[in-house]
Amino acid sequence: MDPAAIAGLILGVGAIVGGQVLEGGRIQSILQPTAALIVLGGTLGATTLSFPLADLLRAIRLAMSIFFNPSVTPESLISEIVELANTMRKEGVLALEEHLSTITHPFLRAGIRYAVDGFEPAMTRELLETDLTVQDEAEEAGAKVFEAAGGYAPTVGILGAVLGLIHTMESLNDPSKLGEGIAVAFVATVYGVGSANLLFLPIANKIKRQLAQARICKEVIIQGVLAVQEGLNPRLLQEKLRMYLAEQRPAGQVQAPENEG
């Protein structure tokens, strides 16, 4: 579970609710099922119309993963690859087959499978890079789903507010209800803008950051598997992957501390 993602969601919603209470308003005033139905239903409908079902399901999976699935770090992969290099150096390439079931990262498992099956390094690189490109394109669609939802939600919120005002204008014969009716109508705008900027767009950004991290991990795996196939010294391999990782990291990104073994 990612505590930052959970904390961010709670903090964002809590700030809105807290501000409403501090201003002397009632929480019930911003709890309007009709407005929620219009905004969430309209946004869901527009997003569903914009993307195929496969992309929608992938987006849901990626959204769940940013909250509940711990991301793999490049440093942990380097340690695992070095261990595999040690095994190959001592026992030969076929000994790696016994370790396939213990490799949790599917991309690394595929690369080691190619090595065990005797693929040439050039073929291994081509297969892994093709797989990387295909996976990247598919998973980027998940971020685009939430970006689209973040664009639709405020507009649907305005639509909900207009519908509420139309309903309020029908009650002009009772001026005492106008203020309350207008306030309720604008709750739809709050829902639209709030859901876009506190939920949909942050999730899209989180997914893109997670995908960038995953891409670095896969690039490290490609370099590591090729080095394992070439029989590179494990210590030299470790240094090579660390230097490659340092080159791939965005400027200013801090490397997580490692335990020296």
Protein backbone atom coordinates (compact mmCIF):
# COMPACT_ATOMS: atom_id res chain seq x y z
CA MET A 1 0.00 0.00 0.00
CA ASP A 2 1.31 3.45 -0.94
CA PRO A 3 0.82 5.69 2.13
CA ALA A 4 1.43 8.86 0.10
CA ALA A 5 -1.43 8.05 -2.30
CA ILE A 6 -3.83 7.25 0.53
CA ALA A 7 -2.77 10.31 2.54
CA GLY A 8 -3.09 12.59 -0.47
CA LEU A 9 -6.63 11.44 -1.18
CA ILE A 10 -7.71 11.82 2.45
CA LEU A 11 -6.00 15.21 2.79
CA GLY A 12 -7.59 16.59 -0.37
CA VAL A 13 -11.12 15.53 0.50
CA GLY A 14 -10.63 16.45 4.15
CA ALA A 15 -9.50 19.97 3.24
CA ILE A 16 -12.67 20.59 1.22
CA VAL A 17 -14.97 19.23 3.92
CA GLY A 18 -13.03 21.03 6.65
CA GLY A 19 -13.21 24.32 4.79
CA GLN A 20 -16.97 23.93 4.41
CA VAL A 21 -17.37 23.36 8.15
CA LEU A 22 -15.04 26.23 9.14
CA GLU A 23 -17.06 28.61 6.98
CA GLY A 24 -20.14 27.69 8.98
CA GLY A 25 -21.64 25.48 6.32
CA ARG A 26 -23.16 22.07 6.80
CA ILE A 27 -21.64 18.91 5.39
CA GLN A 28 -25.11 17.89 4.27
CA SER A 29 -25.14 20.90 1.93
CA ILE A 30 -22.47 19.35 -0.28
CA LEU A 31 -23.84 15.82 -0.09
CA GLN A 32 -26.22 15.79 -3.04
CA PRO A 33 -26.86 12.35 -4.59
CA THR A 34 -28.43 13.87 -7.71
CA ALA A 35 -25.38 16.02 -8.41
CA ALA A 36 -23.09 13.04 -7.82
CA LEU A 37 -25.15 10.94 -10.22
CA ILE A 38 -24.99 13.58 -12.95
CA VAL A 39 -21.25 14.24 -12.60
CA LEU A 40 -19.97 10.71 -12.04
CA GLY A 41 -22.46 9.12 -14.43
CA GLY A 42 -21.86 11.70 -17.15
CA THR A 43 -18.08 11.50 -16.76
CA LEU A 44 -18.16 7.71 -16.81
CA GLY A 45 -20.37 7.74 -19.90
CA ALA A 46 -18.14 10.17 -21.80
CA THR A 47 -14.99 8.28 -20.83
CA THR A 48 -16.50 4.92 -21.75
CA LEU A 49 -17.48 6.33 -25.14
CA SER A 50 -13.91 7.56 -25.70
CA PHE A 51 -11.98 4.35 -25.00
CA PRO A 52 -12.29 0.62 -25.73
CA LEU A 53 -13.19 -1.71 -22.89
CA ALA A 54 -9.65 -3.11 -22.68
CA ASP A 55 -8.22 0.35 -21.95
CA LEU A 56 -10.89 1.04 -19.33
CA LEU A 57 -10.18 -2.23 -17.51
CA ARG A 58 -6.44 -1.58 -17.72
CA ALA A 59 -6.96 1.89 -16.25
CA ILE A 60 -8.86 0.43 -13.30
CA ARG A 61 -6.09 -2.10 -12.70
CA LEU A 62 -3.40 0.58 -12.83
CA ALA A 63 -5.39 2.85 -10.50
CA MET A 64 -5.68 0.05 -7.96
CA SER A 65 -1.98 -0.71 -8.27
CA ILE A 66 -0.90 2.80 -7.28
CA PHE A 67 -2.74 2.42 -3.97
CA PHE A 68 -2.16 -1.21 -3.07
CA ASN A 69 0.70 -2.76 -5.08
CA PRO A 70 4.22 -1.90 -3.93
CA SER A 71 6.35 -0.90 -6.91
CA VAL A 72 9.54 -2.79 -7.67
CA THR A 73 12.68 -0.68 -7.30
CA PRO A 74 15.55 -0.84 -9.80
CA GLU A 75 17.94 -1.42 -6.90
CA SER A 76 16.16 -4.62 -5.85
CA LEU A 77 16.22 -5.84 -9.45
CA ILE A 78 19.95 -5.20 -9.70
CA SER A 79 20.52 -7.36 -6.62
CA GLU A 80 18.39 -10.14 -8.09
CA ILE A 81 20.16 -9.99 -11.46
CA VAL A 82 23.58 -10.12 -9.77
CA GLU A 83 22.48 -13.23 -7.86
CA LEU A 84 21.43 -14.84 -11.14
CA ALA A 85 24.79 -13.90 -12.66
CA ASN A 86 26.54 -15.58 -9.72
CA THR A 87 24.48 -18.72 -10.27
CA MET A 88 25.30 -18.84 -13.97
CA ARG A 89 29.00 -18.20 -13.35
CA LYS A 90 29.22 -21.06 -10.84
CA GLU A 91 26.78 -23.61 -12.29
CA GLY A 92 26.18 -22.68 -15.92
CA VAL A 93 23.24 -21.24 -17.83
CA LEU A 94 21.02 -24.31 -17.42
CA ALA A 95 21.12 -23.86 -13.64
CA LEU A 96 19.10 -20.67 -14.12
CA GLU A 97 16.09 -22.78 -15.10
CA GLU A 98 15.71 -23.91 -11.49
CA HIS A 99 15.40 -20.26 -10.43
CA LEU A 100 12.71 -19.29 -12.94
CA SER A 101 9.87 -20.10 -10.54
CA THR A 102 11.36 -17.81 -7.88
CA ILE A 103 11.61 -14.76 -10.17
CA THR A 104 8.59 -12.58 -9.43
CA HIS A 105 9.09 -9.91 -12.10
CA PRO A 106 7.55 -11.29 -15.32
CA PHE A 107 9.84 -9.26 -17.58
CA LEU A 108 12.97 -10.58 -15.87
CA ARG A 109 11.55 -14.10 -15.91
CA ALA A 110 10.98 -13.84 -19.67
CA GLY A 111 14.53 -12.60 -20.24
CA ILE A 112 16.09 -15.41 -18.21
CA ARG A 113 13.85 -17.89 -20.05
CA TYR A 114 15.31 -16.67 -23.34
CA ALA A 115 18.82 -17.13 -21.95
CA VAL A 116 18.04 -20.66 -20.73
CA ASP A 117 16.53 -21.54 -24.12
CA GLY A 118 19.78 -20.58 -25.82
CA PHE A 119 18.66 -17.44 -27.63
CA GLU A 120 21.43 -15.24 -29.01
CA PRO A 121 21.87 -11.95 -27.09
CA ALA A 122 20.79 -9.94 -30.15
CA MET A 123 17.55 -11.91 -30.39
CA THR A 124 16.98 -11.57 -26.64
CA ARG A 125 17.41 -7.80 -26.88
CA GLU A 126 15.01 -7.57 -29.82
CA LEU A 127 12.32 -9.63 -28.09
CA LEU A 128 12.58 -7.76 -24.80
CA GLU A 129 12.63 -4.32 -26.42
CA THR A 130 9.59 -5.21 -28.53
CA ASP A 131 7.78 -6.43 -25.42
CA LEU A 132 8.77 -3.22 -23.61
CA THR A 133 7.37 -1.03 -26.39
CA VAL A 134 4.09 -2.95 -26.60
CA GLN A 135 3.56 -2.89 -22.83
CA ASP A 136 4.38 0.83 -22.62
CA GLU A 137 1.87 1.75 -25.32
CA ALA A 138 -0.84 -0.37 -23.71
CA GLU A 139 -0.32 0.95 -20.19
CA GLU A 140 -0.01 4.59 -21.25
CA ALA A 141 -3.62 4.27 -22.39
CA GLY A 142 -4.56 3.75 -18.72
CA ALA A 143 -3.19 7.18 -17.80
CA LYS A 144 -4.99 8.73 -20.78
CA VAL A 145 -8.30 7.34 -19.50
CA PHE A 146 -7.98 9.27 -16.24
CA GLU A 147 -6.70 12.38 -18.03
CA ALA A 148 -9.81 12.28 -20.21
CA ALA A 149 -12.06 11.81 -17.16
CA GLY A 150 -10.35 14.81 -15.56
CA GLY A 151 -11.23 16.87 -18.61
CA TYR A 152 -14.84 15.75 -18.82
CA ALA A 153 -15.76 16.04 -15.12
CA PRO A 154 -15.71 19.87 -14.75
CA THR A 155 -17.75 20.30 -17.94
CA VAL A 156 -20.31 17.74 -16.79
CA GLY A 157 -20.36 19.54 -13.43
CA ILE A 158 -21.31 22.79 -15.17
CA LEU A 159 -24.00 20.90 -17.06
CA GLY A 160 -25.34 19.61 -13.74
CA ALA A 161 -25.34 23.14 -12.32
CA VAL A 162 -27.31 24.43 -15.31
CA LEU A 163 -29.84 21.63 -14.94
CA GLY A 164 -30.18 22.51 -11.26
CA LEU A 165 -30.72 26.18 -12.07
CA ILE A 166 -33.39 25.27 -14.60
CA HIS A 167 -35.18 23.31 -11.91
CA THR A 168 -34.78 26.23 -9.48
CA MET A 169 -36.18 28.73 -11.98
CA GLU A 170 -39.31 26.64 -12.16
CA SER A 171 -39.93 27.57 -8.50
CA LEU A 172 -39.88 31.35 -8.92
CA ASN A 173 -43.32 31.53 -7.37
CA ASP A 174 -41.69 30.64 -4.03
CA PRO A 175 -38.72 33.06 -3.59
CA SER A 176 -37.85 31.57 -0.20
CA LYS A 177 -36.53 28.46 -1.93
CA LEU A 178 -34.39 30.23 -4.54
CA GLY A 179 -31.26 30.61 -2.40
CA GLU A 180 -31.25 27.01 -1.29
CA GLY A 181 -32.01 25.79 -4.80
CA ILE A 182 -29.16 27.76 -6.36
CA ALA A 183 -26.74 26.51 -3.69
CA VAL A 184 -27.73 22.92 -4.38
CA ALA A 185 -27.35 23.48 -8.13
CA PHE A 186 -23.74 24.58 -7.77
CA VAL A 187 -22.82 21.45 -5.83
CA ALA A 188 -22.56 19.70 -9.21
CA THR A 189 -19.80 22.15 -10.18
CA VAL A 190 -18.00 21.39 -6.93
CA TYR A 191 -18.22 17.68 -7.67
CA GLY A 192 -16.97 18.13 -11.23
CA VAL A 193 -14.00 20.36 -10.44
CA GLY A 194 -13.21 18.47 -7.24
CA SER A 195 -13.25 15.00 -8.77
CA ALA A 196 -11.07 16.18 -11.67
CA ASN A 197 -8.41 17.90 -9.58
CA LEU A 198 -8.47 15.73 -6.46
CA LEU A 199 -8.96 12.32 -8.03
CA PHE A 200 -8.79 11.81 -11.81
CA LEU A 201 -5.82 14.01 -12.75
CA PRO A 202 -3.69 13.06 -9.71
CA ILE A 203 -4.30 9.38 -10.47
CA ALA A 204 -3.27 9.97 -14.10
CA ASN A 205 -0.04 11.66 -12.97
CA LYS A 206 0.66 8.89 -10.46
CA ILE A 207 0.15 6.24 -13.13
CA LYS A 208 2.53 8.04 -15.50
CA ARG A 209 5.17 8.27 -12.79
CA GLN A 210 4.71 4.60 -11.97
CA LEU A 211 5.04 3.68 -15.66
CA ALA A 212 8.24 5.73 -15.95
CA GLN A 213 9.66 3.82 -12.97
CA ALA A 214 8.56 0.53 -14.50
CA ARG A 215 10.25 1.42 -17.79
CA ILE A 216 13.54 2.12 -16.03
CA CYS A 217 13.24 -1.25 -14.28
CA LYS A 218 12.66 -3.03 -17.58
CA GLU A 219 15.60 -1.26 -19.23
CA VAL A 220 17.80 -2.34 -16.32
CA ILE A 221 16.52 -5.89 -16.82
CA ILE A 222 17.40 -5.83 -20.53
CA GLN A 223 20.94 -4.68 -19.77
CA GLY A 224 21.25 -7.22 -16.97
CA VAL A 225 19.96 -10.22 -18.92
CA LEU A 226 22.30 -9.47 -21.83
CA ALA A 227 25.23 -9.18 -19.44
CA VAL A 228 24.27 -12.48 -17.80
CA GLN A 229 24.18 -14.14 -21.22
CA GLU A 230 27.63 -12.76 -21.98
CA GLY A 231 28.97 -14.17 -18.70
CA LEU A 232 29.99 -10.79 -17.29
CA ASN A 233 31.63 -10.85 -13.87
CA PRO A 234 28.87 -10.33 -11.25
CA ARG A 235 30.68 -7.49 -9.48
CA LEU A 236 31.38 -5.76 -12.77
CA LEU A 237 27.77 -6.35 -13.75
CA GLN A 238 26.56 -4.70 -10.55
CA GLU A 239 28.66 -1.60 -11.20
CA LYS A 240 27.57 -1.50 -14.85
CA LEU A 241 23.89 -1.61 -13.91
CA ARG A 242 24.32 1.01 -11.20
CA MET A 243 26.00 3.37 -13.67
CA TYR A 244 23.30 2.68 -16.25
CA LEU A 245 20.63 3.37 -13.64
CA ALA A 246 22.29 6.66 -12.68
CA GLU A 247 22.22 7.72 -16.34
CA GLN A 248 18.54 6.84 -16.73
CA ARG A 249 17.27 8.59 -13.61
CA PRO A 250 15.71 12.03 -14.09
CA ALA A 251 17.90 14.91 -12.93
CA GLY A 252 17.55 15.53 -9.22
CA GLN A 253 15.96 12.19 -8.42
CA VAL A 254 17.43 10.75 -5.26
CA GLN A 255 18.55 7.15 -5.30
CA ALA A 256 17.13 4.94 -2.60
CA PRO A 257 19.71 3.68 -0.11
CA GLU A 258 21.03 0.19 -0.68
CA ASN A 259 22.28 -2.46 1.65
CA GLU A 260 25.74 -3.50 0.66
CA GLY A 261 26.13 -7.21 0.63
